[in-house]
Amino acid sequence: MTEHTATIDDGSGRTVRIPLVHDGEFLSAAIKIDGVPYHLERIPKSVLGSQYIVDDDPDYVPKSDQDGFCYIIAPFSE
């Protein structure tokens, strides 16, 4: 059952809507980019800022939607 739908905009006005479902702790979907499978996960901003290293900026504060969530895309494990 779809719990949320992510809308991805390519910057040119074209959008793709991706249904997300609960997979463990977060809402997620499996997507493919250039034939490689990826996890697309919707996670709380606080989790991204504390449990994941995004870049080496010590003052990094991720942007989020109005509900305090943001997204990560990571490839599946080999």
PDB file of N, CA and C in Angstrom:
ATOM      1  N   MET A   1       0.842  -1.173   0.000  1.00  0.00           N
ATOM      2  CA  MET A   1       0.000   0.000   0.000  1.00  0.00           C
ATOM      3  C   MET A   1       0.893   1.244   0.000  1.00  0.00           C
ATOM      4  N   THR A   2       0.630   2.188  -0.901  1.00  0.00           N
ATOM      5  CA  THR A   2       1.392   3.426  -0.989  1.00  0.00           C
ATOM      6  C   THR A   2       1.116   4.297   0.226  1.00  0.00           C
ATOM      7  N   GLU A   3       2.179   4.757   0.869  1.00  0.00           N
ATOM      8  CA  GLU A   3       2.072   5.608   2.042  1.00  0.00           C
ATOM      9  C   GLU A   3       2.327   7.077   1.703  1.00  0.00           C
ATOM     10  N   HIS A   4       3.080   7.312   0.625  1.00  0.00           N
ATOM     11  CA  HIS A   4       3.444   8.672   0.229  1.00  0.00           C
ATOM     12  C   HIS A   4       3.885   8.593  -1.223  1.00  0.00           C
ATOM     13  N   THR A   5       3.773   9.688  -1.945  1.00  0.00           N
ATOM     14  CA  THR A   5       4.254   9.746  -3.324  1.00  0.00           C
ATOM     15  C   THR A   5       5.272  10.862  -3.437  1.00  0.00           C
ATOM     16  N   ALA A   6       6.465  10.520  -3.908  1.00  0.00           N
ATOM     17  CA  ALA A   6       7.514  11.504  -4.141  1.00  0.00           C
ATOM     18  C   ALA A   6       7.364  12.022  -5.569  1.00  0.00           C
ATOM     19  N   THR A   7       7.486  13.324  -5.743  1.00  0.00           N
ATOM     20  CA  THR A   7       7.444  13.918  -7.066  1.00  0.00           C
ATOM     21  C   THR A   7       8.819  14.488  -7.376  1.00  0.00           C
ATOM     22  N   ILE A   8       9.461  13.957  -8.401  1.00  0.00           N
ATOM     23  CA  ILE A   8      10.787  14.406  -8.806  1.00  0.00           C
ATOM     24  C   ILE A   8      10.632  15.266 -10.054  1.00  0.00           C
ATOM     25  N   ASP A   9      11.205  16.456 -10.022  1.00  0.00           N
ATOM     26  CA  ASP A   9      11.139  17.423 -11.118  1.00  0.00           C
ATOM     27  C   ASP A   9      12.529  17.534 -11.730  1.00  0.00           C
ATOM     28  N   ASP A  10      12.636  17.410 -13.056  1.00  0.00           N
ATOM     29  CA  ASP A  10      13.943  17.462 -13.707  1.00  0.00           C
ATOM     30  C   ASP A  10      14.440  18.887 -13.957  1.00  0.00           C
ATOM     31  N   GLY A  11      13.706  19.891 -13.520  1.00  0.00           N
ATOM     32  CA  GLY A  11      14.116  21.273 -13.712  1.00  0.00           C
ATOM     33  C   GLY A  11      13.589  21.888 -14.987  1.00  0.00           C
ATOM     34  N   SER A  12      13.065  21.055 -15.866  1.00  0.00           N
ATOM     35  CA  SER A  12      12.494  21.532 -17.129  1.00  0.00           C
ATOM     36  C   SER A  12      10.978  21.407 -17.137  1.00  0.00           C
ATOM     37  N   GLY A  13      10.413  21.114 -15.975  1.00  0.00           N
ATOM     38  CA  GLY A  13       8.970  20.982 -15.867  1.00  0.00           C
ATOM     39  C   GLY A  13       8.453  19.573 -16.020  1.00  0.00           C
ATOM     40  N   ARG A  14       9.322  18.624 -16.347  1.00  0.00           N
ATOM     41  CA  ARG A  14       8.899  17.229 -16.435  1.00  0.00           C
ATOM     42  C   ARG A  14       9.010  16.613 -15.055  1.00  0.00           C
ATOM     43  N   THR A  15       8.002  15.849 -14.668  1.00  0.00           N
ATOM     44  CA  THR A  15       8.007  15.241 -13.349  1.00  0.00           C
ATOM     45  C   THR A  15       7.769  13.740 -13.423  1.00  0.00           C
ATOM     46  N   VAL A  16       8.244  13.060 -12.411  1.00  0.00           N
ATOM     47  CA  VAL A  16       8.012  11.631 -12.229  1.00  0.00           C
ATOM     48  C   VAL A  16       7.482  11.469 -10.817  1.00  0.00           C
ATOM     49  N   ARG A  17       6.381  10.763 -10.683  1.00  0.00           N
ATOM     50  CA  ARG A  17       5.799  10.496  -9.363  1.00  0.00           C
ATOM     51  C   ARG A  17       6.138   9.061  -8.991  1.00  0.00           C
ATOM     52  N   ILE A  18       6.707   8.889  -7.794  1.00  0.00           N
ATOM     53  CA  ILE A  18       7.153   7.577  -7.350  1.00  0.00           C
ATOM     54  C   ILE A  18       6.460   7.226  -6.037  1.00  0.00           C
ATOM     55  N   PRO A  19       5.652   6.167  -6.028  1.00  0.00           N
ATOM     56  CA  PRO A  19       4.993   5.749  -4.789  1.00  0.00           C
ATOM     57  C   PRO A  19       6.004   5.148  -3.818  1.00  0.00           C
ATOM     58  N   LEU A  20       5.883   5.523  -2.552  1.00  0.00           N
ATOM     59  CA  LEU A  20       6.764   5.019  -1.497  1.00  0.00           C
ATOM     60  C   LEU A  20       5.959   4.166  -0.530  1.00  0.00           C
ATOM     61  N   VAL A  21       6.595   3.131  -0.034  1.00  0.00           N
ATOM     62  CA  VAL A  21       5.958   2.253   0.947  1.00  0.00           C
ATOM     63  C   VAL A  21       6.896   2.084   2.137  1.00  0.00           C
ATOM     64  N   HIS A  22       6.350   1.642   3.272  1.00  0.00           N
ATOM     65  CA  HIS A  22       7.194   1.392   4.436  1.00  0.00           C
ATOM     66  C   HIS A  22       8.112   0.221   4.149  1.00  0.00           C
ATOM     67  N   ASP A  23       9.382   0.426   4.395  1.00  0.00           N
ATOM     68  CA  ASP A  23      10.390  -0.623   4.260  1.00  0.00           C
ATOM     69  C   ASP A  23      11.309  -0.460   5.454  1.00  0.00           C
ATOM     70  N   GLY A  24      10.998  -1.161   6.525  1.00  0.00           N
ATOM     71  CA  GLY A  24      11.747  -0.950   7.751  1.00  0.00           C
ATOM     72  C   GLY A  24      11.299   0.335   8.408  1.00  0.00           C
ATOM     73  N   GLU A  25      12.263   1.153   8.762  1.00  0.00           N
ATOM     74  CA  GLU A  25      11.980   2.374   9.515  1.00  0.00           C
ATOM     75  C   GLU A  25      11.453   3.523   8.644  1.00  0.00           C
ATOM     76  N   PHE A  26      11.799   3.532   7.365  1.00  0.00           N
ATOM     77  CA  PHE A  26      11.483   4.675   6.510  1.00  0.00           C
ATOM     78  C   PHE A  26      10.590   4.293   5.335  1.00  0.00           C
ATOM     79  N   LEU A  27      10.055   5.309   4.669  1.00  0.00           N
ATOM     80  CA  LEU A  27       9.334   5.109   3.414  1.00  0.00           C
ATOM     81  C   LEU A  27      10.363   5.038   2.296  1.00  0.00           C
ATOM     82  N   SER A  28      10.168   4.107   1.363  1.00  0.00           N
ATOM     83  CA  SER A  28      11.169   3.964   0.307  1.00  0.00           C
ATOM     84  C   SER A  28      10.586   3.359  -0.951  1.00  0.00           C
ATOM     85  N   ALA A  29      11.400   3.391  -1.993  1.00  0.00           N
ATOM     86  CA  ALA A  29      11.082   2.758  -3.266  1.00  0.00           C
ATOM     87  C   ALA A  29      12.396   2.294  -3.881  1.00  0.00           C
ATOM     88  N   ALA A  30      12.311   1.299  -4.731  1.00  0.00           N
ATOM     89  CA  ALA A  30      13.468   0.873  -5.515  1.00  0.00           C
ATOM     90  C   ALA A  30      13.326   1.513  -6.890  1.00  0.00           C
ATOM     91  N   ILE A  31      14.378   2.193  -7.329  1.00  0.00           N
ATOM     92  CA  ILE A  31      14.368   2.822  -8.651  1.00  0.00           C
ATOM     93  C   ILE A  31      15.622   2.386  -9.396  1.00  0.00           C
ATOM     94  N   LYS A  32      15.628   2.566 -10.704  1.00  0.00           N
ATOM     95  CA  LYS A  32      16.826   2.290 -11.495  1.00  0.00           C
ATOM     96  C   LYS A  32      17.242   3.567 -12.208  1.00  0.00           C
ATOM     97  N   ILE A  33      18.529   3.844 -12.168  1.00  0.00           N
ATOM     98  CA  ILE A  33      19.112   4.973 -12.888  1.00  0.00           C
ATOM     99  C   ILE A  33      20.202   4.393 -13.771  1.00  0.00           C
ATOM    100  N   ASP A  34      20.056   4.558 -15.074  1.00  0.00           N
ATOM    101  CA  ASP A  34      21.001   3.988 -16.047  1.00  0.00           C
ATOM    102  C   ASP A  34      21.216   2.497 -15.803  1.00  0.00           C
ATOM    103  N   GLY A  35      20.147   1.794 -15.444  1.00  0.00           N
ATOM    104  CA  GLY A  35      20.196   0.355 -15.256  1.00  0.00           C
ATOM    105  C   GLY A  35      20.702  -0.109 -13.900  1.00  0.00           C
ATOM    106  N   VAL A  36      21.093   0.818 -13.034  1.00  0.00           N
ATOM    107  CA  VAL A  36      21.612   0.469 -11.709  1.00  0.00           C
ATOM    108  C   VAL A  36      20.495   0.661 -10.679  1.00  0.00           C
ATOM    109  N   PRO A  37      20.219  -0.362  -9.844  1.00  0.00           N
ATOM    110  CA  PRO A  37      19.160  -0.216  -8.841  1.00  0.00           C
ATOM    111  C   PRO A  37      19.604   0.650  -7.653  1.00  0.00           C
ATOM    112  N   TYR A  38      18.686   1.506  -7.219  1.00  0.00           N
ATOM    113  CA  TYR A  38      18.930   2.417  -6.108  1.00  0.00           C
ATOM    114  C   TYR A  38      17.783   2.344  -5.112  1.00  0.00           C
ATOM    115  N   HIS A  39      18.089   2.674  -3.873  1.00  0.00           N
ATOM    116  CA  HIS A  39      17.087   2.919  -2.840  1.00  0.00           C
ATOM    117  C   HIS A  39      16.760   4.411  -2.900  1.00  0.00           C
ATOM    118  N   LEU A  40      15.501   4.753  -2.890  1.00  0.00           N
ATOM    119  CA  LEU A  40      15.050   6.131  -2.698  1.00  0.00           C
ATOM    120  C   LEU A  40      14.334   6.128  -1.366  1.00  0.00           C
ATOM    121  N   GLU A  41      14.863   6.869  -0.389  1.00  0.00           N
ATOM    122  CA  GLU A  41      14.274   6.846   0.950  1.00  0.00           C
ATOM    123  C   GLU A  41      13.894   8.252   1.400  1.00  0.00           C
ATOM    124  N   ARG A  42      12.728   8.343   2.009  1.00  0.00           N
ATOM    125  CA  ARG A  42      12.239   9.591   2.617  1.00  0.00           C
ATOM    126  C   ARG A  42      12.512   9.472   4.109  1.00  0.00           C
ATOM    127  N   ILE A  43      13.383  10.342   4.602  1.00  0.00           N
ATOM    128  CA  ILE A  43      13.792  10.249   5.995  1.00  0.00           C
ATOM    129  C   ILE A  43      13.654  11.601   6.690  1.00  0.00           C
ATOM    130  N   PRO A  44      13.523  11.591   8.005  1.00  0.00           N
ATOM    131  CA  PRO A  44      13.462  12.859   8.731  1.00  0.00           C
ATOM    132  C   PRO A  44      14.764  13.645   8.581  1.00  0.00           C
ATOM    133  N   LYS A  45      14.642  14.928   8.447  1.00  0.00           N
ATOM    134  CA  LYS A  45      15.793  15.823   8.335  1.00  0.00           C
ATOM    135  C   LYS A  45      16.775  15.588   9.476  1.00  0.00           C
ATOM    136  N   SER A  46      16.277  15.363  10.669  1.00  0.00           N
ATOM    137  CA  SER A  46      17.145  15.157  11.831  1.00  0.00           C
ATOM    138  C   SER A  46      18.011  13.911  11.679  1.00  0.00           C
ATOM    139  N   VAL A  47      17.492  12.879  11.022  1.00  0.00           N
ATOM    140  CA  VAL A  47      18.252  11.647  10.812  1.00  0.00           C
ATOM    141  C   VAL A  47      19.359  11.890   9.800  1.00  0.00           C
ATOM    142  N   LEU A  48      19.046  12.579   8.705  1.00  0.00           N
ATOM    143  CA  LEU A  48      20.070  12.847   7.692  1.00  0.00           C
ATOM    144  C   LEU A  48      21.188  13.695   8.289  1.00  0.00           C
ATOM    145  N   GLY A  49      20.839  14.653   9.119  1.00  0.00           N
ATOM    146  CA  GLY A  49      21.845  15.524   9.708  1.00  0.00           C
ATOM    147  C   GLY A  49      22.676  14.882  10.806  1.00  0.00           C
ATOM    148  N   SER A  50      22.208  13.748  11.354  1.00  0.00           N
ATOM    149  CA  SER A  50      22.930  13.152  12.477  1.00  0.00           C
ATOM    150  C   SER A  50      23.490  11.757  12.202  1.00  0.00           C
ATOM    151  N   GLN A  51      22.832  10.957  11.371  1.00  0.00           N
ATOM    152  CA  GLN A  51      23.255   9.570  11.184  1.00  0.00           C
ATOM    153  C   GLN A  51      23.970   9.307   9.866  1.00  0.00           C
ATOM    154  N   TYR A  52      23.952  10.264   8.950  1.00  0.00           N
ATOM    155  CA  TYR A  52      24.580  10.079   7.654  1.00  0.00           C
ATOM    156  C   TYR A  52      25.605  11.180   7.417  1.00  0.00           C
ATOM    157  N   ILE A  53      26.699  10.847   6.752  1.00  0.00           N
ATOM    158  CA  ILE A  53      27.672  11.855   6.350  1.00  0.00           C
ATOM    159  C   ILE A  53      27.386  12.188   4.897  1.00  0.00           C
ATOM    160  N   VAL A  54      27.006  13.445   4.646  1.00  0.00           N
ATOM    161  CA  VAL A  54      26.637  13.854   3.298  1.00  0.00           C
ATOM    162  C   VAL A  54      27.803  14.562   2.618  1.00  0.00           C
ATOM    163  N   ASP A  55      28.435  15.469   3.309  1.00  0.00           N
ATOM    164  CA  ASP A  55      29.640  16.116   2.806  1.00  0.00           C
ATOM    165  C   ASP A  55      30.499  16.501   3.999  1.00  0.00           C
ATOM    166  N   ASP A  56      31.622  17.154   3.746  1.00  0.00           N
ATOM    167  CA  ASP A  56      32.530  17.454   4.857  1.00  0.00           C
ATOM    168  C   ASP A  56      32.280  18.823   5.489  1.00  0.00           C
ATOM    169  N   ASP A  57      31.155  19.451   5.197  1.00  0.00           N
ATOM    170  CA  ASP A  57      30.799  20.739   5.796  1.00  0.00           C
ATOM    171  C   ASP A  57      30.293  20.489   7.219  1.00  0.00           C
ATOM    172  N   PRO A  58      31.022  20.939   8.243  1.00  0.00           N
ATOM    173  CA  PRO A  58      30.588  20.690   9.618  1.00  0.00           C
ATOM    174  C   PRO A  58      29.292  21.417   9.975  1.00  0.00           C
ATOM    175  N   ASP A  59      28.913  22.418   9.195  1.00  0.00           N
ATOM    176  CA  ASP A  59      27.688  23.174   9.454  1.00  0.00           C
ATOM    177  C   ASP A  59      26.540  22.757   8.532  1.00  0.00           C
ATOM    178  N   TYR A  60      26.674  21.592   7.894  1.00  0.00           N
ATOM    179  CA  TYR A  60      25.649  21.125   6.956  1.00  0.00           C
ATOM    180  C   TYR A  60      24.306  20.941   7.648  1.00  0.00           C
ATOM    181  N   VAL A  61      23.292  21.585   7.098  1.00  0.00           N
ATOM    182  CA  VAL A  61      21.914  21.426   7.571  1.00  0.00           C
ATOM    183  C   VAL A  61      21.069  21.139   6.331  1.00  0.00           C
ATOM    184  N   PRO A  62      20.542  19.917   6.199  1.00  0.00           N
ATOM    185  CA  PRO A  62      19.799  19.568   4.993  1.00  0.00           C
ATOM    186  C   PRO A  62      18.491  20.355   4.865  1.00  0.00           C
ATOM    187  N   LYS A  63      18.142  20.701   3.627  1.00  0.00           N
ATOM    188  CA  LYS A  63      16.826  21.283   3.366  1.00  0.00           C
ATOM    189  C   LYS A  63      15.798  20.166   3.473  1.00  0.00           C
ATOM    190  N   SER A  64      14.564  20.546   3.788  1.00  0.00           N
ATOM    191  CA  SER A  64      13.516  19.540   3.922  1.00  0.00           C
ATOM    192  C   SER A  64      12.193  20.100   3.446  1.00  0.00           C
ATOM    193  N   ASP A  65      11.214  19.198   3.316  1.00  0.00           N
ATOM    194  CA  ASP A  65       9.871  19.639   2.955  1.00  0.00           C
ATOM    195  C   ASP A  65       9.196  20.245   4.183  1.00  0.00           C
ATOM    196  N   GLN A  66       7.967  20.678   4.023  1.00  0.00           N
ATOM    197  CA  GLN A  66       7.255  21.343   5.119  1.00  0.00           C
ATOM    198  C   GLN A  66       7.001  20.431   6.313  1.00  0.00           C
ATOM    199  N   ASP A  67       7.093  19.110   6.089  1.00  0.00           N
ATOM    200  CA  ASP A  67       6.878  18.157   7.183  1.00  0.00           C
ATOM    201  C   ASP A  67       8.186  17.732   7.856  1.00  0.00           C
ATOM    202  N   GLY A  68       9.318  18.298   7.413  1.00  0.00           N
ATOM    203  CA  GLY A  68      10.606  17.974   8.020  1.00  0.00           C
ATOM    204  C   GLY A  68      11.286  16.739   7.462  1.00  0.00           C
ATOM    205  N   PHE A  69      10.931  16.340   6.237  1.00  0.00           N
ATOM    206  CA  PHE A  69      11.525  15.161   5.615  1.00  0.00           C
ATOM    207  C   PHE A  69      12.367  15.566   4.405  1.00  0.00           C
ATOM    208  N   CYS A  70      13.362  14.732   4.109  1.00  0.00           N
ATOM    209  CA  CYS A  70      14.162  14.901   2.903  1.00  0.00           C
ATOM    210  C   CYS A  70      14.430  13.508   2.325  1.00  0.00           C
ATOM    211  N   TYR A  71      15.147  13.450   1.224  1.00  0.00           N
ATOM    212  CA  TYR A  71      15.356  12.190   0.520  1.00  0.00           C
ATOM    213  C   TYR A  71      16.833  11.886   0.353  1.00  0.00           C
ATOM    214  N   ILE A  72      17.129  10.597   0.345  1.00  0.00           N
ATOM    215  CA  ILE A  72      18.453  10.142  -0.048  1.00  0.00           C
ATOM    216  C   ILE A  72      18.277   9.085  -1.140  1.00  0.00           C
ATOM    217  N   ILE A  73      19.238   9.055  -2.035  1.00  0.00           N
ATOM    218  CA  ILE A  73      19.295   8.030  -3.077  1.00  0.00           C
ATOM    219  C   ILE A  73      20.649   7.354  -2.935  1.00  0.00           C
ATOM    220  N   ALA A  74      20.644   6.033  -2.773  1.00  0.00           N
ATOM    221  CA  ALA A  74      21.884   5.283  -2.621  1.00  0.00           C
ATOM    222  C   ALA A  74      21.778   3.981  -3.408  1.00  0.00           C
ATOM    223  N   PRO A  75      22.872   3.566  -4.044  1.00  0.00           N
ATOM    224  CA  PRO A  75      22.825   2.323  -4.802  1.00  0.00           C
ATOM    225  C   PRO A  75      22.687   1.114  -3.900  1.00  0.00           C
ATOM    226  N   PHE A  76      22.075   0.051  -4.442  1.00  0.00           N
ATOM    227  CA  PHE A  76      22.008  -1.221  -3.750  1.00  0.00           C
ATOM    228  C   PHE A  76      23.438  -1.747  -3.564  1.00  0.00           C
ATOM    229  N   SER A  77      23.616  -2.592  -2.595  1.00  0.00           N
ATOM    230  CA  SER A  77      24.905  -3.214  -2.355  1.00  0.00           C
ATOM    231  C   SER A  77      25.240  -4.199  -3.477  1.00  0.00           C
ATOM    232  N   GLU A  78      26.508  -4.374  -3.723  1.00  0.00           N
ATOM    233  CA  GLU A  78      26.966  -5.369  -4.725  1.00  0.00           C
ATOM    234  C   GLU A  78      26.527  -6.703  -4.298  1.00  0.00           C
TER     235      GLU A  78
END
